[in-house]
C-alpha atoms as a PDB file:
ATOM      1  CA  MET A   1      15.724   9.774   1.127  1.00  0.00           C
ATOM      2  CA  THR A   2      13.861   9.950   4.722  1.00  0.00           C
ATOM      3  CA  ASP A   3      13.490   6.800   6.658  1.00  0.00           C
ATOM      4  CA  THR A   4       9.869   6.871   7.807  1.00  0.00           C
ATOM      5  CA  PRO A   5       8.879   5.519  10.821  1.00  0.00           C
ATOM      6  CA  ASP A   6       5.676   2.967  10.661  1.00  0.00           C
ATOM      7  CA  THR A   7       2.984   5.614  11.560  1.00  0.00           C
ATOM      8  CA  PRO A   8       0.571   7.800   9.581  1.00  0.00           C
ATOM      9  CA  ASP A   9       1.918  10.980  11.242  1.00  0.00           C
ATOM     10  CA  THR A  10       5.172  11.607   8.628  1.00  0.00           C
ATOM     11  CA  PRO A  11       3.582  14.528   6.600  1.00  0.00           C
ATOM     12  CA  LEU A  12       5.027  15.693   3.053  1.00  0.00           C
ATOM     13  CA  PRO A  13       6.873  19.137   3.479  1.00  0.00           C
ATOM     14  CA  GLU A  14       4.455  21.564   2.758  1.00  0.00           C
ATOM     15  CA  GLU A  15       7.357  23.821   1.054  1.00  0.00           C
ATOM     16  CA  ARG A  16       7.516  21.428  -2.054  1.00  0.00           C
ATOM     17  CA  GLU A  17       6.841  22.965  -5.122  1.00  0.00           C
ATOM     18  CA  PRO A  18       6.224  21.204  -8.575  1.00  0.00           C
ATOM     19  CA  PRO A  19       8.573  22.327 -11.366  1.00  0.00           C
ATOM     20  CA  PRO A  20       7.596  24.886 -13.455  1.00  0.00           C
ATOM     21  CA  GLY A  21       4.864  23.913 -16.297  1.00  0.00           C
ATOM     22  CA  THR A  22       3.432  21.199 -14.137  1.00  0.00           C
ATOM     23  CA  VAL A  23       0.262  19.953 -14.941  1.00  0.00           C
ATOM     24  CA  MET A  24       0.075  17.002 -12.853  1.00  0.00           C
ATOM     25  CA  THR A  25       1.272  15.337 -10.086  1.00  0.00           C
ATOM     26  CA  GLN A  26       1.516  11.893  -9.655  1.00  0.00           C
ATOM     27  CA  TRP A  27       2.661   9.793  -6.302  1.00  0.00           C
ATOM     28  CA  VAL A  28       4.540   6.676  -7.247  1.00  0.00           C
ATOM     29  CA  ILE A  29       5.400   3.644  -4.895  1.00  0.00           C
ATOM     30  CA  TYR A  30       8.222   1.205  -5.369  1.00  0.00           C
ATOM     31  CA  ASP A  31       8.053  -2.240  -4.197  1.00  0.00           C
ATOM     32  CA  HIS A  32      11.799  -2.763  -3.153  1.00  0.00           C
ATOM     33  CA  PRO A  33      13.639  -0.871  -5.631  1.00  0.00           C
ATOM     34  CA  SER A  34      17.367  -1.318  -6.375  1.00  0.00           C
ATOM     35  CA  ASP A  35      18.208   1.756  -4.052  1.00  0.00           C
ATOM     36  CA  HIS A  36      16.096   0.354  -1.183  1.00  0.00           C
ATOM     37  CA  PRO A  37      15.430  -3.327  -1.591  1.00  0.00           C
ATOM     38  CA  ASN A  38      14.249  -3.713   1.910  1.00  0.00           C
ATOM     39  CA  GLY A  39      11.497  -1.999   1.812  1.00  0.00           C
ATOM     40  CA  TYR A  40       8.804   0.493  -0.371  1.00  0.00           C
ATOM     41  CA  VAL A  41       9.708   3.966  -1.467  1.00  0.00           C
ATOM     42  CA  LEU A  42       7.276   6.953  -2.428  1.00  0.00           C
ATOM     43  CA  ARG A  43       8.040   9.584  -4.807  1.00  0.00           C
ATOM     44  CA  ALA A  44       5.987  12.444  -6.207  1.00  0.00           C
ATOM     45  CA  ALA A  45       6.399  12.669 -10.281  1.00  0.00           C
ATOM     46  CA  TYR A  46       5.371  15.825 -12.354  1.00  0.00           C
ATOM     47  CA  ILE A  47       3.780  15.760 -15.383  1.00  0.00           C
ATOM     48  CA  GLY A  48       4.851  18.674 -17.252  1.00  0.00           C
ATOM     49  CA  GLN A  49       2.711  20.478 -20.328  1.00  0.00           C
ATOM     50  CA  ASP A  50       4.750  18.882 -22.893  1.00  0.00           C
ATOM     51  CA  ASN A  51       4.546  15.378 -21.305  1.00  0.00           C
ATOM     52  CA  THR A  52       7.898  15.177 -19.762  1.00  0.00           C
ATOM     53  CA  ILE A  53       8.209  13.541 -16.110  1.00  0.00           C
ATOM     54  CA  THR A  54      10.303  15.211 -13.522  1.00  0.00           C
ATOM     55  CA  ILE A  55      10.938  12.507 -10.746  1.00  0.00           C
ATOM     56  CA  ASP A  56      10.912  14.980  -7.110  1.00  0.00           C
ATOM     57  CA  ASN A  57      14.501  14.188  -5.597  1.00  0.00           C
ATOM     58  CA  ALA A  58      12.647  14.023  -1.760  1.00  0.00           C
ATOM     59  CA  ALA A  59      11.445  10.588  -1.413  1.00  0.00           C
ATOM     60  CA  TRP A  60      10.056   8.665   1.616  1.00  0.00           C
ATOM     61  CA  TYR A  61      11.091   4.989   2.778  1.00  0.00           C
ATOM     62  CA  SER A  62       9.485   2.249   4.970  1.00  0.00           C
ATOM     63  CA  ARG A  63       9.323  -1.564   5.224  1.00  0.00           C
ATOM     64  CA  ASN A  64       5.731  -1.223   5.399  1.00  0.00           C
ATOM     65  CA  LEU A  65       3.854  -0.345   2.318  1.00  0.00           C
ATOM     66  CA  GLU A  66       0.441   1.036   4.239  1.00  0.00           C
ATOM     67  CA  THR A  67       3.034   3.511   5.897  1.00  0.00           C
ATOM     68  CA  LEU A  68       3.648   5.127   2.778  1.00  0.00           C
ATOM     69  CA  ARG A  69       0.120   4.758   1.544  1.00  0.00           C
ATOM     70  CA  ARG A  70      -1.175   6.875   4.489  1.00  0.00           C
ATOM     71  CA  ILE A  71       1.396   9.344   3.418  1.00  0.00           C
ATOM     72  CA  VAL A  72      -0.123  10.075  -0.004  1.00  0.00           C
ATOM     73  CA  PRO A  73      -2.132  13.188  -0.329  1.00  0.00           C
ATOM     74  CA  PRO A  74      -6.305  12.593   0.631  1.00  0.00           C
ATOM     75  CA  GLY A  75      -8.437  12.171  -2.455  1.00  0.00           C
ATOM     76  CA  LEU A  76      -6.511  10.290  -4.829  1.00  0.00           C
ATOM     77  CA  VAL A  77      -7.223   7.253  -6.582  1.00  0.00           C
ATOM     78  CA  ASN A  78      -4.591   4.179  -6.393  1.00  0.00           C
ATOM     79  CA  LEU A  79      -3.920   2.738 -10.140  1.00  0.00           C
ATOM     80  CA  SER A  80      -2.113  -0.290 -10.158  1.00  0.00           C
ATOM     81  CA  ARG A  81       1.030  -0.953 -12.939  1.00  0.00           C
ATOM     82  CA  PHE A  82       0.898  -0.950 -16.271  1.00  0.00           C
ATOM     83  CA  ALA A  83       2.347  -3.924 -17.960  1.00  0.00           C
ATOM     84  CA  ASP A  84       4.753  -1.657 -19.323  1.00  0.00           C
ATOM     85  CA  ASP A  85       6.008   0.383 -16.257  1.00  0.00           C
ATOM     86  CA  ASP A  86       9.488  -0.294 -14.282  1.00  0.00           C
ATOM     87  CA  PRO A  87       9.035  -3.648 -12.639  1.00  0.00           C
ATOM     88  CA  ALA A  88       9.807  -1.731  -9.424  1.00  0.00           C
ATOM     89  CA  ILE A  89       6.446   0.386  -9.607  1.00  0.00           C
ATOM     90  CA  LEU A  90       3.949  -1.196  -7.570  1.00  0.00           C
ATOM     91  CA  GLU A  91       1.109   1.654  -7.721  1.00  0.00           C
ATOM     92  CA  VAL A  92       0.696   5.202  -8.922  1.00  0.00           C
ATOM     93  CA  TRP A  93      -1.849   7.483  -7.276  1.00  0.00           C
ATOM     94  CA  LEU A  94      -3.522  10.003  -9.024  1.00  0.00           C
END
């Protein structure tokens, strides 16, 4: 887990490759999850052809929500959480 500085200059690693068979990548921001109760966490979730979801083991942490929003790849749309999402999920970016 990377503790991000509160600047928009923390890039996503370019060498990250989604698992084979990935058809879509979602970026999920978690609100004070149990593994980092003092801040927010950004993780990629890879959707496979068979509708499986693989959560990337790389993640970014910040006490500032806007910092993580600036790390999300450009051009994506912010979806608020759905009622049946894990309570720690704040938003999903597609």
